[in-house]
Amino acid sequence: MGLLAPLGRLLFSVIFITSGLNHFFQLQALTAYAQASGVPDPRLAVLVSGGVLVVGGLCVLLGVFARLGAAMLTVFLLAAAFMVHPFWRMEDPVQAQNNLIHFMKNLSMAGGALLIIYYGPGPFSLSRKKREASLGGVKLGTPLR
């Protein structure tokens, strides 16, 4: 059962790492999309969000500063949901439905990130191994209270 946490971190983080890298590889296209969505300073927003996605995703994947990485991802996901996918303002029903799906996906993933913030990275994380080693192998509780 302990392998579920690192597997969950892998499955959760891969979309952020690949999407973040895509922000750099597809900078022009994503800048145009952000500009069309009304994002202020779209080029800078794409670059910063790409960095947030890669760093946050790697933090969660490796379990190093996983709570901080998950917090970064939560902020990105909520900002993207409301700024880039405002389905309620769209007149074309197909475009509105597509953006509703992306909006709800972002909210759902933000919920998952909040769970990581609360429970931490779980077993087989680099930060947990380092802390347990410094405590002489004492197992640590996970929830923040």
C-alpha atoms as a PDB file:
ATOM      1  CA  MET A   1       0.000   0.000   0.000  1.00  0.00           C
ATOM      2  CA  GLY A   2       2.919   2.352   0.652  1.00  0.00           C
ATOM      3  CA  LEU A   3       3.666   2.475  -3.065  1.00  0.00           C
ATOM      4  CA  LEU A   4       0.361   4.221  -3.733  1.00  0.00           C
ATOM      5  CA  ALA A   5       1.720   7.570  -2.520  1.00  0.00           C
ATOM      6  CA  PRO A   6       4.711   7.770  -4.885  1.00  0.00           C
ATOM      7  CA  LEU A   7       2.594   6.389  -7.727  1.00  0.00           C
ATOM      8  CA  GLY A   8      -0.037   9.036  -6.965  1.00  0.00           C
ATOM      9  CA  ARG A   9       2.636  11.749  -6.886  1.00  0.00           C
ATOM     10  CA  LEU A  10       3.944  10.550 -10.262  1.00  0.00           C
ATOM     11  CA  LEU A  11       0.519  10.451 -11.892  1.00  0.00           C
ATOM     12  CA  PHE A  12      -0.440  13.810 -10.379  1.00  0.00           C
ATOM     13  CA  SER A  13       2.782  15.627 -11.269  1.00  0.00           C
ATOM     14  CA  VAL A  14       3.458  14.412 -14.815  1.00  0.00           C
ATOM     15  CA  ILE A  15       0.831  16.724 -16.337  1.00  0.00           C
ATOM     16  CA  PHE A  16       2.331  19.749 -14.601  1.00  0.00           C
ATOM     17  CA  ILE A  17       5.917  18.980 -15.562  1.00  0.00           C
ATOM     18  CA  THR A  18       5.087  18.305 -19.211  1.00  0.00           C
ATOM     19  CA  SER A  19       2.710  21.274 -19.447  1.00  0.00           C
ATOM     20  CA  GLY A  20       5.280  23.529 -17.818  1.00  0.00           C
ATOM     21  CA  LEU A  21       7.950  22.471 -20.299  1.00  0.00           C
ATOM     22  CA  ASN A  22       5.437  23.045 -23.084  1.00  0.00           C
ATOM     23  CA  HIS A  23       5.094  26.650 -21.880  1.00  0.00           C
ATOM     24  CA  PHE A  24       8.716  27.160 -22.933  1.00  0.00           C
ATOM     25  CA  PHE A  25       8.648  25.062 -26.112  1.00  0.00           C
ATOM     26  CA  GLN A  26       5.388  26.646 -27.339  1.00  0.00           C
ATOM     27  CA  LEU A  27       5.987  30.133 -25.927  1.00  0.00           C
ATOM     28  CA  GLN A  28       4.583  32.075 -28.894  1.00  0.00           C
ATOM     29  CA  ALA A  29       1.404  30.031 -29.231  1.00  0.00           C
ATOM     30  CA  LEU A  30       0.678  30.034 -25.508  1.00  0.00           C
ATOM     31  CA  THR A  31       1.415  33.755 -25.274  1.00  0.00           C
ATOM     32  CA  ALA A  32      -1.128  34.381 -28.041  1.00  0.00           C
ATOM     33  CA  TYR A  33      -3.674  32.182 -26.224  1.00  0.00           C
ATOM     34  CA  ALA A  34      -3.063  33.981 -22.926  1.00  0.00           C
ATOM     35  CA  GLN A  35      -3.383  37.347 -24.671  1.00  0.00           C
ATOM     36  CA  ALA A  36      -6.670  36.301 -26.288  1.00  0.00           C
ATOM     37  CA  SER A  37      -7.885  35.236 -22.823  1.00  0.00           C
ATOM     38  CA  GLY A  38      -7.116  38.686 -21.446  1.00  0.00           C
ATOM     39  CA  VAL A  39      -4.225  37.627 -19.211  1.00  0.00           C
ATOM     40  CA  PRO A  40      -2.156  40.684 -18.251  1.00  0.00           C
ATOM     41  CA  ASP A  41       1.429  40.665 -19.576  1.00  0.00           C
ATOM     42  CA  PRO A  42       0.817  37.347 -21.340  1.00  0.00           C
ATOM     43  CA  ARG A  43       4.419  36.510 -22.284  1.00  0.00           C
ATOM     44  CA  LEU A  44       5.650  36.999 -18.732  1.00  0.00           C
ATOM     45  CA  ALA A  45       2.632  35.102 -17.400  1.00  0.00           C
ATOM     46  CA  VAL A  46       3.412  32.127 -19.654  1.00  0.00           C
ATOM     47  CA  LEU A  47       7.073  32.110 -18.625  1.00  0.00           C
ATOM     48  CA  VAL A  48       6.332  32.418 -14.900  1.00  0.00           C
ATOM     49  CA  SER A  49       3.536  29.846 -15.012  1.00  0.00           C
ATOM     50  CA  GLY A  50       5.793  27.457 -16.933  1.00  0.00           C
ATOM     51  CA  GLY A  51       8.382  27.742 -14.174  1.00  0.00           C
ATOM     52  CA  VAL A  52       5.729  27.289 -11.485  1.00  0.00           C
ATOM     53  CA  LEU A  53       4.415  24.163 -13.210  1.00  0.00           C
ATOM     54  CA  VAL A  54       7.824  22.544 -13.643  1.00  0.00           C
ATOM     55  CA  VAL A  55       9.125  23.405 -10.166  1.00  0.00           C
ATOM     56  CA  GLY A  56       5.844  22.618  -8.420  1.00  0.00           C
ATOM     57  CA  GLY A  57       5.475  19.360 -10.324  1.00  0.00           C
ATOM     58  CA  LEU A  58       9.027  18.258  -9.518  1.00  0.00           C
ATOM     59  CA  CYS A  59       8.567  19.128  -5.834  1.00  0.00           C
ATOM     60  CA  VAL A  60       5.469  16.947  -5.669  1.00  0.00           C
ATOM     61  CA  LEU A  61       7.026  14.135  -7.729  1.00  0.00           C
ATOM     62  CA  LEU A  62      10.171  13.913  -5.632  1.00  0.00           C
ATOM     63  CA  GLY A  63       8.492  14.704  -2.340  1.00  0.00           C
ATOM     64  CA  VAL A  64      10.892  17.562  -1.638  1.00  0.00           C
ATOM     65  CA  PHE A  65       9.055  20.683  -0.475  1.00  0.00           C
ATOM     66  CA  ALA A  66       5.965  18.839  -1.719  1.00  0.00           C
ATOM     67  CA  ARG A  67       3.579  21.031   0.264  1.00  0.00           C
ATOM     68  CA  LEU A  68       5.141  24.191  -1.161  1.00  0.00           C
ATOM     69  CA  GLY A  69       5.073  22.719  -4.677  1.00  0.00           C
ATOM     70  CA  ALA A  70       1.424  21.737  -4.248  1.00  0.00           C
ATOM     71  CA  ALA A  71       0.629  25.262  -3.022  1.00  0.00           C
ATOM     72  CA  MET A  72       2.285  26.707  -6.128  1.00  0.00           C
ATOM     73  CA  LEU A  73       0.233  24.392  -8.310  1.00  0.00           C
ATOM     74  CA  THR A  74      -2.969  25.301  -6.449  1.00  0.00           C
ATOM     75  CA  VAL A  75      -2.439  29.010  -7.095  1.00  0.00           C
ATOM     76  CA  PHE A  76      -1.723  28.349 -10.762  1.00  0.00           C
ATOM     77  CA  LEU A  77      -4.732  26.061 -11.187  1.00  0.00           C
ATOM     78  CA  LEU A  78      -7.182  28.495  -9.606  1.00  0.00           C
ATOM     79  CA  ALA A  79      -5.784  31.453 -11.542  1.00  0.00           C
ATOM     80  CA  ALA A  80      -5.911  29.511 -14.812  1.00  0.00           C
ATOM     81  CA  ALA A  81      -9.447  28.293 -14.121  1.00  0.00           C
ATOM     82  CA  PHE A  82     -10.843  31.775 -13.618  1.00  0.00           C
ATOM     83  CA  MET A  83      -8.640  33.761 -16.024  1.00  0.00           C
ATOM     84  CA  VAL A  84      -8.225  31.398 -18.958  1.00  0.00           C
ATOM     85  CA  HIS A  85     -11.408  29.287 -18.865  1.00  0.00           C
ATOM     86  CA  PRO A  86     -14.305  31.701 -18.139  1.00  0.00           C
ATOM     87  CA  PHE A  87     -16.986  29.463 -19.641  1.00  0.00           C
ATOM     88  CA  TRP A  88     -19.742  31.673 -18.192  1.00  0.00           C
ATOM     89  CA  ARG A  89     -18.757  34.533 -20.540  1.00  0.00           C
ATOM     90  CA  MET A  90     -18.767  32.486 -23.737  1.00  0.00           C
ATOM     91  CA  GLU A  91     -21.644  32.631 -26.195  1.00  0.00           C
ATOM     92  CA  ASP A  92     -20.637  29.691 -28.396  1.00  0.00           C
ATOM     93  CA  PRO A  93     -22.010  26.594 -26.601  1.00  0.00           C
ATOM     94  CA  VAL A  94     -19.227  24.329 -27.867  1.00  0.00           C
ATOM     95  CA  GLN A  95     -16.528  26.736 -26.687  1.00  0.00           C
ATOM     96  CA  ALA A  96     -18.352  27.222 -23.369  1.00  0.00           C
ATOM     97  CA  GLN A  97     -18.621  23.442 -22.830  1.00  0.00           C
ATOM     98  CA  ASN A  98     -14.943  22.920 -23.655  1.00  0.00           C
ATOM     99  CA  ASN A  99     -13.916  25.642 -21.215  1.00  0.00           C
ATOM    100  CA  LEU A 100     -16.284  24.314 -18.538  1.00  0.00           C
ATOM    101  CA  ILE A 101     -14.461  20.975 -18.761  1.00  0.00           C
ATOM    102  CA  HIS A 102     -11.063  22.688 -18.393  1.00  0.00           C
ATOM    103  CA  PHE A 103     -12.393  24.863 -15.563  1.00  0.00           C
ATOM    104  CA  MET A 104     -13.698  21.838 -13.642  1.00  0.00           C
ATOM    105  CA  LYS A 105     -10.487  19.883 -14.347  1.00  0.00           C
ATOM    106  CA  ASN A 106      -8.456  22.712 -12.839  1.00  0.00           C
ATOM    107  CA  LEU A 107     -10.712  22.870  -9.774  1.00  0.00           C
ATOM    108  CA  SER A 108     -10.437  19.107  -9.332  1.00  0.00           C
ATOM    109  CA  MET A 109      -6.653  19.124  -9.593  1.00  0.00           C
ATOM    110  CA  ALA A 110      -6.503  22.079  -7.164  1.00  0.00           C
ATOM    111  CA  GLY A 111      -8.425  19.869  -4.737  1.00  0.00           C
ATOM    112  CA  GLY A 112      -5.829  17.138  -5.172  1.00  0.00           C
ATOM    113  CA  ALA A 113      -3.046  19.647  -4.565  1.00  0.00           C
ATOM    114  CA  LEU A 114      -4.776  20.813  -1.382  1.00  0.00           C
ATOM    115  CA  LEU A 115      -4.764  17.205  -0.163  1.00  0.00           C
ATOM    116  CA  ILE A 116      -1.005  17.066  -0.740  1.00  0.00           C
ATOM    117  CA  ILE A 117      -0.635  20.312   1.212  1.00  0.00           C
ATOM    118  CA  TYR A 118      -2.570  18.776   4.108  1.00  0.00           C
ATOM    119  CA  TYR A 119      -1.188  15.224   4.150  1.00  0.00           C
ATOM    120  CA  GLY A 120       2.277  15.844   2.747  1.00  0.00           C
ATOM    121  CA  PRO A 121       4.122  13.684   0.239  1.00  0.00           C
ATOM    122  CA  GLY A 122       3.680  10.366   2.022  1.00  0.00           C
ATOM    123  CA  PRO A 123       6.171   7.494   2.059  1.00  0.00           C
ATOM    124  CA  PHE A 124       9.094   7.158  -0.324  1.00  0.00           C
ATOM    125  CA  SER A 125       9.643  10.901  -0.562  1.00  0.00           C
ATOM    126  CA  LEU A 126      13.093  12.445  -0.435  1.00  0.00           C
ATOM    127  CA  SER A 127      12.167  14.946   2.291  1.00  0.00           C
ATOM    128  CA  ARG A 128      10.615  12.237   4.498  1.00  0.00           C
ATOM    129  CA  LYS A 129      13.718  10.054   4.239  1.00  0.00           C
ATOM    130  CA  LYS A 130      15.943  12.997   5.169  1.00  0.00           C
ATOM    131  CA  ARG A 131      13.780  13.965   8.181  1.00  0.00           C
ATOM    132  CA  GLU A 132      13.450  10.383   9.429  1.00  0.00           C
ATOM    133  CA  ALA A 133      17.216   9.911   9.147  1.00  0.00           C
ATOM    134  CA  SER A 134      17.786  13.044  11.225  1.00  0.00           C
ATOM    135  CA  LEU A 135      15.365  11.694  13.866  1.00  0.00           C
ATOM    136  CA  GLY A 136      17.069   8.301  14.066  1.00  0.00           C
ATOM    137  CA  GLY A 137      14.516   6.497  11.906  1.00  0.00           C
ATOM    138  CA  VAL A 138      11.440   7.687  13.830  1.00  0.00           C
ATOM    139  CA  LYS A 139       8.367   7.570  11.581  1.00  0.00           C
ATOM    140  CA  LEU A 140       6.620  10.898  11.151  1.00  0.00           C
ATOM    141  CA  GLY A 141       2.894  11.658  11.216  1.00  0.00           C
ATOM    142  CA  THR A 142       1.631  13.260   8.066  1.00  0.00           C
ATOM    143  CA  PRO A 143      -1.378  15.573   8.466  1.00  0.00           C
ATOM    144  CA  LEU A 144      -0.894  19.257   9.187  1.00  0.00           C
ATOM    145  CA  ARG A 145      -2.948  20.307  12.193  1.00  0.00           C
END
